[in-house]
Each structure stands twice: as C-alpha cells, then as structure tokens.
C-alpha cells in the first residue's frame, strides 16, 4: 500500500462498456457467465487491447461486433462517461470508458459464450443483480447525464463500503 491517501498499488485494466437500446428505449444487458461479475447483468464491453494501440472507440466497436455481430461507425457512439474504480475486488483497478450507441437495435442478439442477453426497461435495471458500483453510482449517473458526459472516481478498496467522487459532468446539450 502506498502512503499517499491509502492507495493500493495494483495493475490497471482498461475497458469499455457500451449501452445499447432498442427502439422502445430498453437497455441491452448481458447476464455474465464468467468473471468479472459472473452471475450479474452488465452492458456489452471488454478489455482494451493496449499492446496494439487500440483506442477506446475502437475497443467499443470491436466488442459490439464480437458479442452481437453489429458493425458500428465511430459516429454511432457517444462517449458518455469515464469511470475509475480503485481496488475493485481487491486485485486491480478499472479504467472504464462508457459509450452510448446512438443507433437502436432491432432484435435481441442470440446467446453468446459469455452469457445471455435481454432487453431490460430502464426503470427495472436497478432491480436486477448488477454490480454494486453499477447500481449505486454508474447507472444513476449514466441516466442523469445521458447525452452529456460524466467522470467519476470510485474507491472500492474496502470490501464493505466504497466512496465515490464526481470529478466532472455536464448535461446533454439543449435541443435546438
């Protein structure tokens, strides 16, 4: 543990999450079979290929293509947020780039080797088995700043309790 503010020195994992919706506005979630978050629901996402120089946008588009077979153009994505989770599950830090897909999905994707998909009405997302930081911080901030942007730091080093700080946020631009 470093002396500076009780920080724990752990490796970083850089990932993307992509929030995709259908025409009714229901959120596509994956009930995960594997770690991290096995048995929990989460948006499509995955680890950035840093060794190849992959950008967060490229990673988001690749993950959507691999997991549901949809090819996106960079303009189809909106960078909705950045989340830094310190000490998640006690063995690493997450740096997550959250994207919203601007193109609605027309059908439910078939099951994937990582789990099964379902469209969930936004008002029910908090009722599902989702990671605690998603339930208490990330999903509420995504909804609050949807169409805008937020950056949040979450300290997960304590297994019993976590704290968080909104570092930057702005609402969606007003319609003209």
C-alpha atoms as a PDB file:
ATOM      1  CA  UNK A   1       0.000   0.000   0.000  1.00  0.00           C
ATOM      2  CA  UNK A   2       1.347   3.408  -0.879  1.00  0.00           C
ATOM      3  CA  UNK A   3       1.481   6.051   1.806  1.00  0.00           C
ATOM      4  CA  UNK A   4      -0.404   8.550  -0.344  1.00  0.00           C
ATOM      5  CA  UNK A   5      -4.088   8.569   0.752  1.00  0.00           C
ATOM      6  CA  UNK A   6      -4.076   4.837   1.497  1.00  0.00           C
ATOM      7  CA  UNK A   7      -3.794   3.966  -2.195  1.00  0.00           C
ATOM      8  CA  UNK A   8      -3.123   0.341  -3.050  1.00  0.00           C
ATOM      9  CA  UNK A   9      -0.671  -0.353  -5.881  1.00  0.00           C
ATOM     10  CA  UNK A  10      -2.438  -2.739  -8.263  1.00  0.00           C
ATOM     11  CA  UNK A  11      -2.484  -3.200 -12.041  1.00  0.00           C
ATOM     12  CA  UNK A  12      -4.964  -1.242 -14.166  1.00  0.00           C
ATOM     13  CA  UNK A  13      -7.426  -2.883 -16.541  1.00  0.00           C
ATOM     14  CA  UNK A  14      -8.681  -0.537 -19.257  1.00  0.00           C
ATOM     15  CA  UNK A  15     -12.116  -1.423 -20.585  1.00  0.00           C
ATOM     16  CA  UNK A  16     -15.143  -0.169 -22.436  1.00  0.00           C
ATOM     17  CA  UNK A  17     -18.841  -0.613 -21.726  1.00  0.00           C
ATOM     18  CA  UNK A  18     -21.433   0.061 -24.414  1.00  0.00           C
ATOM     19  CA  UNK A  19     -25.016   0.942 -23.551  1.00  0.00           C
ATOM     20  CA  UNK A  20     -27.260  -0.207 -26.419  1.00  0.00           C
ATOM     21  CA  UNK A  21     -31.020   0.286 -26.542  1.00  0.00           C
ATOM     22  CA  UNK A  22     -33.901  -0.920 -28.692  1.00  0.00           C
ATOM     23  CA  UNK A  23     -36.494   1.404 -30.272  1.00  0.00           C
ATOM     24  CA  UNK A  24     -38.636   1.244 -27.080  1.00  0.00           C
ATOM     25  CA  UNK A  25     -35.669   2.502 -25.049  1.00  0.00           C
ATOM     26  CA  UNK A  26     -34.986  -0.792 -23.252  1.00  0.00           C
ATOM     27  CA  UNK A  27     -31.341  -1.421 -22.342  1.00  0.00           C
ATOM     28  CA  UNK A  28     -29.497  -4.468 -23.683  1.00  0.00           C
ATOM     29  CA  UNK A  29     -27.748  -6.314 -20.859  1.00  0.00           C
ATOM     30  CA  UNK A  30     -25.706  -9.499 -20.702  1.00  0.00           C
ATOM     31  CA  UNK A  31     -26.113 -11.949 -17.829  1.00  0.00           C
ATOM     32  CA  UNK A  32     -22.444 -12.871 -17.451  1.00  0.00           C
ATOM     33  CA  UNK A  33     -21.223 -16.470 -17.143  1.00  0.00           C
ATOM     34  CA  UNK A  34     -17.581 -15.521 -16.451  1.00  0.00           C
ATOM     35  CA  UNK A  35     -15.507 -13.289 -14.228  1.00  0.00           C
ATOM     36  CA  UNK A  36     -15.555 -10.471 -13.637  1.00  0.00           C
ATOM     37  CA  UNK A  37     -19.111 -10.161 -12.395  1.00  0.00           C
ATOM     38  CA  UNK A  38     -20.168 -13.767 -13.117  1.00  0.00           C
ATOM     39  CA  UNK A  39     -23.897 -14.178 -12.493  1.00  0.00           C
ATOM     40  CA  UNK A  40     -24.501 -10.434 -12.766  1.00  0.00           C
ATOM     41  CA  UNK A  41     -26.007  -8.337 -15.558  1.00  0.00           C
ATOM     42  CA  UNK A  42     -23.897  -5.753 -17.375  1.00  0.00           C
ATOM     43  CA  UNK A  43     -23.683  -3.894 -20.669  1.00  0.00           C
ATOM     44  CA  UNK A  44     -21.564  -5.213 -23.529  1.00  0.00           C
ATOM     45  CA  UNK A  45     -17.900  -4.475 -23.043  1.00  0.00           C
ATOM     46  CA  UNK A  46     -14.402  -5.741 -22.718  1.00  0.00           C
ATOM     47  CA  UNK A  47     -10.750  -5.037 -22.252  1.00  0.00           C
ATOM     48  CA  UNK A  48      -8.893  -2.626 -24.496  1.00  0.00           C
ATOM     49  CA  UNK A  49      -6.029  -4.160 -26.492  1.00  0.00           C
ATOM     50  CA  UNK A  50      -3.396  -1.696 -25.277  1.00  0.00           C
ATOM     51  CA  UNK A  51      -0.488  -3.607 -26.845  1.00  0.00           C
ATOM     52  CA  UNK A  52      -1.884  -2.949 -30.330  1.00  0.00           C
ATOM     53  CA  UNK A  53      -2.626   0.711 -29.567  1.00  0.00           C
ATOM     54  CA  UNK A  54      -6.393   0.185 -29.749  1.00  0.00           C
ATOM     55  CA  UNK A  55      -8.379   3.306 -28.839  1.00  0.00           C
ATOM     56  CA  UNK A  56     -11.430   3.190 -26.528  1.00  0.00           C
ATOM     57  CA  UNK A  57     -13.715   3.864 -29.538  1.00  0.00           C
ATOM     58  CA  UNK A  58     -12.107   1.005 -31.481  1.00  0.00           C
ATOM     59  CA  UNK A  59     -12.452  -1.289 -28.469  1.00  0.00           C
ATOM     60  CA  UNK A  60     -16.141  -0.440 -28.034  1.00  0.00           C
ATOM     61  CA  UNK A  61     -16.853  -1.075 -31.716  1.00  0.00           C
ATOM     62  CA  UNK A  62     -14.868  -4.348 -31.659  1.00  0.00           C
ATOM     63  CA  UNK A  63     -16.692  -5.617 -28.566  1.00  0.00           C
ATOM     64  CA  UNK A  64     -20.111  -4.858 -30.099  1.00  0.00           C
ATOM     65  CA  UNK A  65     -19.092  -6.617 -33.322  1.00  0.00           C
ATOM     66  CA  UNK A  66     -17.719  -9.667 -31.446  1.00  0.00           C
ATOM     67  CA  UNK A  67     -20.558 -10.017 -28.956  1.00  0.00           C
ATOM     68  CA  UNK A  68     -23.648  -9.207 -31.050  1.00  0.00           C
ATOM     69  CA  UNK A  69     -22.422  -9.076 -34.654  1.00  0.00           C
ATOM     70  CA  UNK A  70     -23.251  -5.397 -35.226  1.00  0.00           C
ATOM     71  CA  UNK A  71     -20.726  -3.179 -37.019  1.00  0.00           C
ATOM     72  CA  UNK A  72     -20.675   0.427 -35.840  1.00  0.00           C
ATOM     73  CA  UNK A  73     -19.127   3.558 -37.268  1.00  0.00           C
ATOM     74  CA  UNK A  74     -17.359   5.893 -34.810  1.00  0.00           C
ATOM     75  CA  UNK A  75     -20.199   8.435 -35.225  1.00  0.00           C
ATOM     76  CA  UNK A  76     -22.640   5.793 -33.882  1.00  0.00           C
ATOM     77  CA  UNK A  77     -21.051   6.100 -30.439  1.00  0.00           C
ATOM     78  CA  UNK A  78     -21.210   8.861 -27.842  1.00  0.00           C
ATOM     79  CA  UNK A  79     -18.599   8.890 -25.047  1.00  0.00           C
ATOM     80  CA  UNK A  80     -20.943   9.108 -22.064  1.00  0.00           C
ATOM     81  CA  UNK A  81     -18.527   8.734 -19.183  1.00  0.00           C
ATOM     82  CA  UNK A  82     -15.228   7.707 -17.699  1.00  0.00           C
ATOM     83  CA  UNK A  83     -15.170   5.599 -14.546  1.00  0.00           C
ATOM     84  CA  UNK A  84     -12.078   4.910 -12.441  1.00  0.00           C
ATOM     85  CA  UNK A  85     -12.633   2.110  -9.926  1.00  0.00           C
ATOM     86  CA  UNK A  86      -9.805   1.870  -7.408  1.00  0.00           C
ATOM     87  CA  UNK A  87      -9.194  -1.583  -5.906  1.00  0.00           C
ATOM     88  CA  UNK A  88     -12.178  -3.362  -7.495  1.00  0.00           C
ATOM     89  CA  UNK A  89     -12.476  -6.863  -5.973  1.00  0.00           C
ATOM     90  CA  UNK A  90      -9.152  -6.163  -4.261  1.00  0.00           C
ATOM     91  CA  UNK A  91      -6.938  -7.275  -7.144  1.00  0.00           C
ATOM     92  CA  UNK A  92      -6.910  -4.499  -9.750  1.00  0.00           C
ATOM     93  CA  UNK A  93      -8.109  -1.040 -10.763  1.00  0.00           C
ATOM     94  CA  UNK A  94     -10.556  -0.453 -13.630  1.00  0.00           C
ATOM     95  CA  UNK A  95     -10.450   2.474 -16.009  1.00  0.00           C
ATOM     96  CA  UNK A  96     -13.710   2.254 -17.971  1.00  0.00           C
ATOM     97  CA  UNK A  97     -14.848   4.251 -20.969  1.00  0.00           C
ATOM     98  CA  UNK A  98     -18.662   4.218 -21.179  1.00  0.00           C
ATOM     99  CA  UNK A  99     -20.304   4.681 -24.559  1.00  0.00           C
ATOM    100  CA  UNK A 100     -23.902   5.004 -25.658  1.00  0.00           C
ATOM    101  CA  UNK A 101     -24.798   3.625 -29.066  1.00  0.00           C
ATOM    102  CA  UNK A 102     -26.950   6.156 -30.920  1.00  0.00           C
ATOM    103  CA  UNK A 103     -28.417   3.505 -33.250  1.00  0.00           C
ATOM    104  CA  UNK A 104     -31.264   1.427 -31.749  1.00  0.00           C
ATOM    105  CA  UNK A 105     -31.070  -2.339 -32.019  1.00  0.00           C
ATOM    106  CA  UNK A 106     -33.859  -4.050 -33.927  1.00  0.00           C
ATOM    107  CA  UNK A 107     -33.625  -7.529 -32.386  1.00  0.00           C
ATOM    108  CA  UNK A 108     -32.399  -9.362 -29.315  1.00  0.00           C
ATOM    109  CA  UNK A 109     -28.969 -10.904 -30.007  1.00  0.00           C
ATOM    110  CA  UNK A 110     -28.603 -14.672 -29.633  1.00  0.00           C
ATOM    111  CA  UNK A 111     -26.851 -16.086 -26.561  1.00  0.00           C
ATOM    112  CA  UNK A 112     -23.087 -15.576 -26.505  1.00  0.00           C
ATOM    113  CA  UNK A 113     -20.365 -17.729 -24.948  1.00  0.00           C
ATOM    114  CA  UNK A 114     -20.111 -15.055 -22.208  1.00  0.00           C
ATOM    115  CA  UNK A 115     -23.824 -15.225 -21.314  1.00  0.00           C
ATOM    116  CA  UNK A 116     -27.356 -14.462 -22.422  1.00  0.00           C
ATOM    117  CA  UNK A 117     -28.850 -11.147 -23.492  1.00  0.00           C
ATOM    118  CA  UNK A 118     -32.110  -9.462 -22.613  1.00  0.00           C
ATOM    119  CA  UNK A 119     -33.671  -6.055 -23.152  1.00  0.00           C
ATOM    120  CA  UNK A 120     -34.494  -4.520 -19.768  1.00  0.00           C
ATOM    121  CA  UNK A 121     -36.764  -1.496 -19.279  1.00  0.00           C
ATOM    122  CA  UNK A 122     -34.577   1.271 -17.819  1.00  0.00           C
ATOM    123  CA  UNK A 123     -36.770   1.565 -14.730  1.00  0.00           C
ATOM    124  CA  UNK A 124     -36.062  -2.083 -13.859  1.00  0.00           C
ATOM    125  CA  UNK A 125     -32.270  -2.109 -14.265  1.00  0.00           C
ATOM    126  CA  UNK A 126     -31.733  -1.338 -10.566  1.00  0.00           C
ATOM    127  CA  UNK A 127     -33.864  -4.367  -9.604  1.00  0.00           C
ATOM    128  CA  UNK A 128     -31.517  -6.806 -11.345  1.00  0.00           C
ATOM    129  CA  UNK A 129     -28.426  -8.482  -9.970  1.00  0.00           C
ATOM    130  CA  UNK A 130     -25.885  -5.918 -11.204  1.00  0.00           C
ATOM    131  CA  UNK A 131     -22.518  -4.937  -9.703  1.00  0.00           C
ATOM    132  CA  UNK A 132     -22.938  -2.723  -6.640  1.00  0.00           C
ATOM    133  CA  UNK A 133     -20.997   0.191  -8.146  1.00  0.00           C
ATOM    134  CA  UNK A 134     -23.240  -0.003 -11.229  1.00  0.00           C
ATOM    135  CA  UNK A 135     -26.394   0.055  -9.074  1.00  0.00           C
ATOM    136  CA  UNK A 136     -25.358   2.828  -6.714  1.00  0.00           C
ATOM    137  CA  UNK A 137     -23.173   5.066  -8.892  1.00  0.00           C
ATOM    138  CA  UNK A 138     -22.623   4.279 -12.563  1.00  0.00           C
ATOM    139  CA  UNK A 139     -26.180   3.554 -13.768  1.00  0.00           C
ATOM    140  CA  UNK A 140     -27.727   6.551 -11.917  1.00  0.00           C
ATOM    141  CA  UNK A 141     -25.025   8.874 -13.293  1.00  0.00           C
ATOM    142  CA  UNK A 142     -25.447   7.487 -16.814  1.00  0.00           C
ATOM    143  CA  UNK A 143     -29.182   8.209 -16.642  1.00  0.00           C
ATOM    144  CA  UNK A 144     -28.700  11.656 -15.115  1.00  0.00           C
ATOM    145  CA  UNK A 145     -26.129  12.773 -17.696  1.00  0.00           C
ATOM    146  CA  UNK A 146     -27.389  10.757 -20.676  1.00  0.00           C
ATOM    147  CA  UNK A 147     -26.470  12.621 -23.852  1.00  0.00           C
ATOM    148  CA  UNK A 148     -23.900  14.621 -21.877  1.00  0.00           C
ATOM    149  CA  UNK A 149     -20.831  13.386 -20.028  1.00  0.00           C
ATOM    150  CA  UNK A 150     -19.579  12.445 -16.558  1.00  0.00           C
ATOM    151  CA  UNK A 151     -16.330  11.320 -14.976  1.00  0.00           C
ATOM    152  CA  UNK A 152     -16.379   9.562 -11.608  1.00  0.00           C
ATOM    153  CA  UNK A 153     -13.780   8.049  -9.297  1.00  0.00           C
ATOM    154  CA  UNK A 154     -14.945   5.156  -7.093  1.00  0.00           C
ATOM    155  CA  UNK A 155     -12.816   3.824  -4.235  1.00  0.00           C
ATOM    156  CA  UNK A 156     -13.647   0.111  -3.886  1.00  0.00           C
ATOM    157  CA  UNK A 157     -10.624  -0.846  -1.761  1.00  0.00           C
ATOM    158  CA  UNK A 158     -12.817  -1.603   1.266  1.00  0.00           C
ATOM    159  CA  UNK A 159     -14.934  -4.716   0.657  1.00  0.00           C
ATOM    160  CA  UNK A 160     -17.713  -3.476   2.961  1.00  0.00           C
ATOM    161  CA  UNK A 161     -18.039   0.102   1.824  1.00  0.00           C
ATOM    162  CA  UNK A 162     -16.987   2.307  -1.028  1.00  0.00           C
ATOM    163  CA  UNK A 163     -16.856   6.026  -1.636  1.00  0.00           C
ATOM    164  CA  UNK A 164     -17.080   7.979  -4.843  1.00  0.00           C
ATOM    165  CA  UNK A 165     -16.479  11.448  -6.217  1.00  0.00           C
ATOM    166  CA  UNK A 166     -17.968  13.026  -9.318  1.00  0.00           C
ATOM    167  CA  UNK A 167     -14.961  14.658 -10.968  1.00  0.00           C
ATOM    168  CA  UNK A 168     -16.642  16.304 -13.965  1.00  0.00           C
ATOM    169  CA  UNK A 169     -20.091  16.312 -15.525  1.00  0.00           C
ATOM    170  CA  UNK A 170     -22.240  18.184 -17.948  1.00  0.00           C
ATOM    171  CA  UNK A 171     -25.794  17.564 -19.130  1.00  0.00           C
ATOM    172  CA  UNK A 172     -26.855  16.837 -22.682  1.00  0.00           C
ATOM    173  CA  UNK A 173     -26.913  19.900 -24.901  1.00  0.00           C
ATOM    174  CA  UNK A 174     -30.338  21.511 -25.203  1.00  0.00           C
ATOM    175  CA  UNK A 175     -32.233  20.697 -28.378  1.00  0.00           C
ATOM    176  CA  UNK A 176     -32.398  23.466 -30.920  1.00  0.00           C
END
